[in-house]
C-alpha atoms as a PDB file:
ATOM      1  CA  MET A   1     -91.196  26.118 128.580  1.00  0.00           C
ATOM      2  CA  ASN A   2     -90.485  22.466 129.390  1.00  0.00           C
ATOM      3  CA  ARG A   3     -93.396  20.880 131.143  1.00  0.00           C
ATOM      4  CA  LYS A   4     -92.455  18.495 133.936  1.00  0.00           C
ATOM      5  CA  LYS A   5     -94.581  15.471 134.666  1.00  0.00           C
ATOM      6  CA  ILE A   6     -96.713  15.670 137.807  1.00  0.00           C
ATOM      7  CA  THR A   7     -95.332  13.114 140.249  1.00  0.00           C
ATOM      8  CA  SER A   8     -97.583  10.242 141.264  1.00  0.00           C
ATOM      9  CA  ASP A   9     -97.392  11.382 144.916  1.00  0.00           C
ATOM     10  CA  THR A  10     -98.586  14.882 143.985  1.00  0.00           C
ATOM     11  CA  ARG A  11    -101.301  13.476 141.725  1.00  0.00           C
ATOM     12  CA  GLN A  12    -102.455  11.162 144.529  1.00  0.00           C
ATOM     13  CA  LEU A  13    -102.521  14.064 147.014  1.00  0.00           C
ATOM     14  CA  VAL A  14    -104.568  16.295 144.681  1.00  0.00           C
ATOM     15  CA  LEU A  15    -107.035  13.510 143.886  1.00  0.00           C
ATOM     16  CA  HIS A  16    -107.328  12.620 147.577  1.00  0.00           C
ATOM     17  CA  GLU A  17    -108.010  16.273 148.414  1.00  0.00           C
ATOM     18  CA  ALA A  18    -111.042  16.195 146.090  1.00  0.00           C
ATOM     19  CA  GLY A  19    -112.222  12.747 147.164  1.00  0.00           C
ATOM     20  CA  PHE A  20    -111.174  11.267 143.788  1.00  0.00           C
ATOM     21  CA  ARG A  21    -113.893  13.307 142.095  1.00  0.00           C
ATOM     22  CA  CYS A  22    -114.112  16.331 139.857  1.00  0.00           C
ATOM     23  CA  ALA A  23    -113.545  19.457 141.986  1.00  0.00           C
ATOM     24  CA  ASN A  24    -116.578  21.169 140.399  1.00  0.00           C
ATOM     25  CA  PRO A  25    -119.097  21.022 143.280  1.00  0.00           C
ATOM     26  CA  VAL A  26    -121.989  20.650 140.818  1.00  0.00           C
ATOM     27  CA  CYS A  27    -120.355  17.887 138.776  1.00  0.00           C
ATOM     28  CA  ARG A  28    -118.371  15.691 141.210  1.00  0.00           C
ATOM     29  CA  THR A  29    -117.860  13.007 138.533  1.00  0.00           C
ATOM     30  CA  PRO A  30    -115.902  10.134 140.115  1.00  0.00           C
ATOM     31  CA  LEU A  31    -112.583   8.807 138.908  1.00  0.00           C
ATOM     32  CA  THR A  32    -111.274  12.134 137.699  1.00  0.00           C
ATOM     33  CA  ILE A  33    -108.213  11.541 135.580  1.00  0.00           C
ATOM     34  CA  GLU A  34    -107.229  15.043 134.490  1.00  0.00           C
ATOM     35  CA  ILE A  35    -105.237  17.417 136.662  1.00  0.00           C
ATOM     36  CA  HIS A  36    -105.516  21.120 135.790  1.00  0.00           C
ATOM     37  CA  HIS A  37    -102.955  23.835 136.610  1.00  0.00           C
ATOM     38  CA  LEU A  38    -104.666  26.867 138.193  1.00  0.00           C
ATOM     39  CA  ASP A  39    -101.737  29.007 137.080  1.00  0.00           C
ATOM     40  CA  TYR A  40    -100.706  27.665 133.680  1.00  0.00           C
ATOM     41  CA  VAL A  41     -97.213  26.223 133.279  1.00  0.00           C
ATOM     42  CA  SER A  42     -96.741  28.600 130.334  1.00  0.00           C
ATOM     43  CA  ASP A  43     -97.335  31.488 132.793  1.00  0.00           C
ATOM     44  CA  GLY A  44     -94.889  30.128 135.357  1.00  0.00           C
ATOM     45  CA  GLY A  45     -97.306  27.848 137.231  1.00  0.00           C
ATOM     46  CA  SER A  46     -95.799  24.899 139.047  1.00  0.00           C
ATOM     47  CA  ASN A  47     -96.710  21.303 139.721  1.00  0.00           C
ATOM     48  CA  ALA A  48     -97.133  22.075 143.420  1.00  0.00           C
ATOM     49  CA  PRO A  49    -100.353  20.603 144.881  1.00  0.00           C
ATOM     50  CA  ASP A  50    -101.712  24.068 145.714  1.00  0.00           C
ATOM     51  CA  ASN A  51    -101.619  24.919 141.988  1.00  0.00           C
ATOM     52  CA  LEU A  52    -103.428  21.766 140.874  1.00  0.00           C
ATOM     53  CA  ILE A  53    -107.084  20.808 140.806  1.00  0.00           C
ATOM     54  CA  PRO A  54    -108.710  17.621 139.512  1.00  0.00           C
ATOM     55  CA  LEU A  55    -111.367  18.046 136.842  1.00  0.00           C
ATOM     56  CA  CYS A  56    -113.331  15.529 134.843  1.00  0.00           C
ATOM     57  CA  PRO A  57    -112.660  15.709 131.098  1.00  0.00           C
ATOM     58  CA  ASN A  58    -115.935  17.581 130.527  1.00  0.00           C
ATOM     59  CA  CYS A  59    -115.294  20.324 133.114  1.00  0.00           C
ATOM     60  CA  HIS A  60    -111.667  20.593 131.995  1.00  0.00           C
ATOM     61  CA  ALA A  61    -112.821  21.165 128.406  1.00  0.00           C
ATOM     62  CA  LEU A  62    -115.482  23.647 129.573  1.00  0.00           C
ATOM     63  CA  HIS A  63    -112.807  25.647 131.396  1.00  0.00           C
ATOM     64  CA  HIS A  64    -110.452  25.728 128.431  1.00  0.00           C
ATOM     65  CA  GLY A  65    -113.421  26.614 126.216  1.00  0.00           C
ATOM     66  CA  GLY A  66    -114.036  29.703 128.352  1.00  0.00           C
ATOM     67  CA  HIS A  67    -117.234  28.472 130.017  1.00  0.00           C
ATOM     68  CA  ILE A  68    -115.818  27.958 133.530  1.00  0.00           C
ATOM     69  CA  PRO A  69    -113.708  30.928 134.675  1.00  0.00           C
ATOM     70  CA  THR A  70    -110.397  30.531 136.475  1.00  0.00           C
ATOM     71  CA  GLU A  71    -111.894  32.384 139.452  1.00  0.00           C
ATOM     72  CA  SER A  72    -114.396  29.537 139.869  1.00  0.00           C
ATOM     73  CA  LEU A  73    -111.612  26.950 139.807  1.00  0.00           C
ATOM     74  CA  LYS A  74    -109.697  28.880 142.468  1.00  0.00           C
ATOM     75  CA  THR A  75    -112.828  29.154 144.584  1.00  0.00           C
ATOM     76  CA  TRP A  76    -113.409  25.400 144.293  1.00  0.00           C
ATOM     77  CA  LYS A  77    -109.811  24.830 145.378  1.00  0.00           C
ATOM     78  CA  LEU A  78    -110.416  27.019 148.441  1.00  0.00           C
ATOM     79  CA  VAL A  79    -113.580  25.042 149.205  1.00  0.00           C
ATOM     80  CA  LEU A  80    -111.514  21.856 149.113  1.00  0.00           C
ATOM     81  CA  LEU A  81    -109.006  23.497 151.455  1.00  0.00           C
ATOM     82  CA  THR A  82    -111.843  24.399 153.799  1.00  0.00           C
ATOM     83  CA  LEU A  83    -113.207  20.867 153.802  1.00  0.00           C
ATOM     84  CA  ASN A  84    -109.827  19.233 154.240  1.00  0.00           C
ATOM     85  CA  GLU A  85    -108.446  21.601 156.831  1.00  0.00           C
ATOM     86  CA  GLY A  86    -111.477  21.441 159.084  1.00  0.00           C
ATOM     87  CA  PHE A  87    -112.628  24.985 158.377  1.00  0.00           C
ATOM     88  CA  ASP A  88    -116.376  24.731 158.022  1.00  0.00           C
ATOM     89  CA  ARG A  89    -118.403  27.585 156.582  1.00  0.00           C
ATOM     90  CA  ARG A  90    -119.185  28.923 160.058  1.00  0.00           C
ATOM     91  CA  THR A  91    -115.488  29.046 160.971  1.00  0.00           C
ATOM     92  CA  VAL A  92    -114.620  30.930 157.797  1.00  0.00           C
ATOM     93  CA  ASP A  93    -117.548  33.290 158.475  1.00  0.00           C
ATOM     94  CA  ILE A  94    -116.148  33.987 161.966  1.00  0.00           C
ATOM     95  CA  LEU A  95    -112.729  34.778 160.490  1.00  0.00           C
ATOM     96  CA  LEU A  96    -114.261  37.079 157.875  1.00  0.00           C
ATOM     97  CA  ALA A  97    -116.428  38.786 160.536  1.00  0.00           C
ATOM     98  CA  LEU A  98    -113.379  39.358 162.725  1.00  0.00           C
ATOM     99  CA  ASP A  99    -111.646  40.884 159.736  1.00  0.00           C
ATOM    100  CA  GLN A 100    -114.526  43.366 159.379  1.00  0.00           C
ATOM    101  CA  LEU A 101    -115.182  44.033 163.073  1.00  0.00           C
ATOM    102  CA  GLU A 102    -111.556  43.880 164.255  1.00  0.00           C
ATOM    103  CA  GLN A 103    -112.604  42.237 167.550  1.00  0.00           C
ATOM    104  CA  LEU A 104    -115.473  40.363 169.165  1.00  0.00           C
ATOM    105  CA  SER A 105    -116.486  40.182 172.790  1.00  0.00           C
ATOM    106  CA  ILE A 106    -117.617  36.711 173.781  1.00  0.00           C
ATOM    107  CA  SER A 107    -118.559  34.873 176.955  1.00  0.00           C
ATOM    108  CA  GLY A 108    -116.606  32.004 178.438  1.00  0.00           C
ATOM    109  CA  ASP A 109    -119.122  29.564 176.961  1.00  0.00           C
ATOM    110  CA  GLY A 110    -118.690  31.233 173.583  1.00  0.00           C
ATOM    111  CA  MET A 111    -114.980  30.450 173.722  1.00  0.00           C
ATOM    112  CA  LEU A 112    -115.864  26.839 172.966  1.00  0.00           C
ATOM    113  CA  GLN A 113    -116.886  27.929 169.472  1.00  0.00           C
ATOM    114  CA  PHE A 114    -113.459  29.518 169.050  1.00  0.00           C
ATOM    115  CA  ALA A 115    -111.427  26.578 170.389  1.00  0.00           C
ATOM    116  CA  ALA A 116    -110.263  25.338 166.978  1.00  0.00           C
ATOM    117  CA  LEU A 117    -109.416  28.863 165.856  1.00  0.00           C
ATOM    118  CA  LEU A 118    -107.476  29.528 169.052  1.00  0.00           C
ATOM    119  CA  SER A 119    -105.578  26.253 168.907  1.00  0.00           C
ATOM    120  CA  SER A 120    -104.713  26.820 165.233  1.00  0.00           C
ATOM    121  CA  GLY A 121    -103.349  30.269 166.082  1.00  0.00           C
ATOM    122  CA  LEU A 122    -105.714  32.072 163.699  1.00  0.00           C
ATOM    123  CA  VAL A 123    -107.438  33.932 166.562  1.00  0.00           C
ATOM    124  CA  ALA A 124    -105.970  35.383 169.741  1.00  0.00           C
ATOM    125  CA  VAL A 125    -107.451  36.586 173.010  1.00  0.00           C
ATOM    126  CA  LYS A 126    -106.760  40.309 173.252  1.00  0.00           C
ATOM    127  CA  THR A 127    -108.138  40.813 176.749  1.00  0.00           C
ATOM    128  CA  ARG A 128    -109.987  38.857 179.385  1.00  0.00           C
ATOM    129  CA  VAL A 129    -112.516  40.543 181.642  1.00  0.00           C
ATOM    130  CA  TYR A 130    -112.981  38.656 184.904  1.00  0.00           C
ATOM    131  CA  GLY A 131    -116.582  38.386 186.156  1.00  0.00           C
ATOM    132  CA  GLY A 132    -119.216  41.041 185.825  1.00  0.00           C
ATOM    133  CA  ALA A 133    -119.386  40.793 182.045  1.00  0.00           C
ATOM    134  CA  THR A 134    -122.667  40.602 180.175  1.00  0.00           C
ATOM    135  CA  ILE A 135    -123.808  37.779 182.413  1.00  0.00           C
ATOM    136  CA  ALA A 136    -123.025  38.549 186.058  1.00  0.00           C
ATOM    137  CA  GLY A 137    -120.053  36.610 187.330  1.00  0.00           C
ATOM    138  CA  THR A 138    -119.053  35.299 183.920  1.00  0.00           C
ATOM    139  CA  ASP A 139    -115.701  36.054 182.318  1.00  0.00           C
ATOM    140  CA  SER A 140    -115.720  37.551 178.857  1.00  0.00           C
ATOM    141  CA  PHE A 141    -113.024  37.691 176.231  1.00  0.00           C
ATOM    142  CA  LYS A 142    -112.095  40.112 173.465  1.00  0.00           C
ATOM    143  CA  VAL A 143    -110.863  38.062 170.518  1.00  0.00           C
ATOM    144  CA  VAL A 144    -109.021  39.319 167.451  1.00  0.00           C
ATOM    145  CA  LEU A 145    -107.417  37.842 164.371  1.00  0.00           C
ATOM    146  CA  SER A 146    -103.805  36.916 165.020  1.00  0.00           C
ATOM    147  CA  GLU A 147    -101.173  37.865 162.451  1.00  0.00           C
ATOM    148  CA  LYS A 148    -101.535  34.332 161.096  1.00  0.00           C
ATOM    149  CA  GLY A 149    -105.331  34.799 160.947  1.00  0.00           C
ATOM    150  CA  LYS A 150    -104.969  38.139 159.170  1.00  0.00           C
ATOM    151  CA  SER A 151    -102.698  36.534 156.588  1.00  0.00           C
ATOM    152  CA  PHE A 152    -105.121  33.637 156.101  1.00  0.00           C
ATOM    153  CA  VAL A 153    -108.125  35.963 155.611  1.00  0.00           C
ATOM    154  CA  GLU A 154    -106.209  38.303 153.299  1.00  0.00           C
ATOM    155  CA  ASN A 155    -105.143  35.399 151.100  1.00  0.00           C
ATOM    156  CA  TRP A 156    -108.601  33.786 151.279  1.00  0.00           C
ATOM    157  CA  LYS A 157    -110.309  36.965 150.099  1.00  0.00           C
ATOM    158  CA  ALA A 158    -107.761  37.341 147.293  1.00  0.00           C
ATOM    159  CA  GLY A 159    -108.361  33.746 146.171  1.00  0.00           C
ATOM    160  CA  ASN A 160    -104.699  32.964 146.866  1.00  0.00           C
ATOM    161  CA  GLN A 161    -104.906  29.322 147.909  1.00  0.00           C
ATOM    162  CA  ALA A 162    -101.133  28.946 148.264  1.00  0.00           C
ATOM    163  CA  GLY A 163    -100.988  31.933 150.594  1.00  0.00           C
ATOM    164  CA  ALA A 164    -103.959  30.690 152.628  1.00  0.00           C
ATOM    165  CA  VAL A 165    -102.341  27.267 153.033  1.00  0.00           C
ATOM    166  CA  ALA A 166     -99.021  28.856 153.997  1.00  0.00           C
ATOM    167  CA  ALA A 167    -100.769  31.060 156.577  1.00  0.00           C
ATOM    168  CA  ARG A 168    -102.555  28.271 158.379  1.00  0.00           C
END
């Protein structure tokens, strides 16, 4: 298969995503110059940014030597997505909890913690209960994953970074 050169714009985007460092969270060597394909070109992988991850020469060699599994690289890519898309660990935990519980009941004050998820369309308000909720006189809300949120979580759990990006 003919290998196409990664464009400078794509290379710049991938390096920017990782802060111009190795994507290995333990290594983080600066001035990473090697771009690795998560899905190999020989297996049909593309030069799309979601299929690329920057690695220092040492980590790149460790991966190809079988010491760093592909699953780890894909996880690191998802971590970069989380950092760059404003999804902190707590936000991802909320999405994963909603996936397990199917819905959460929260107070009006608790809605502030869901503001980013609501505005991104990953979570939806299923019902609103006016007054008389857990705290007398306070509205409560039943929140659920939206279809977009379900797609994001499904792809996240599968390690499908492209699908997670497309879902958000």
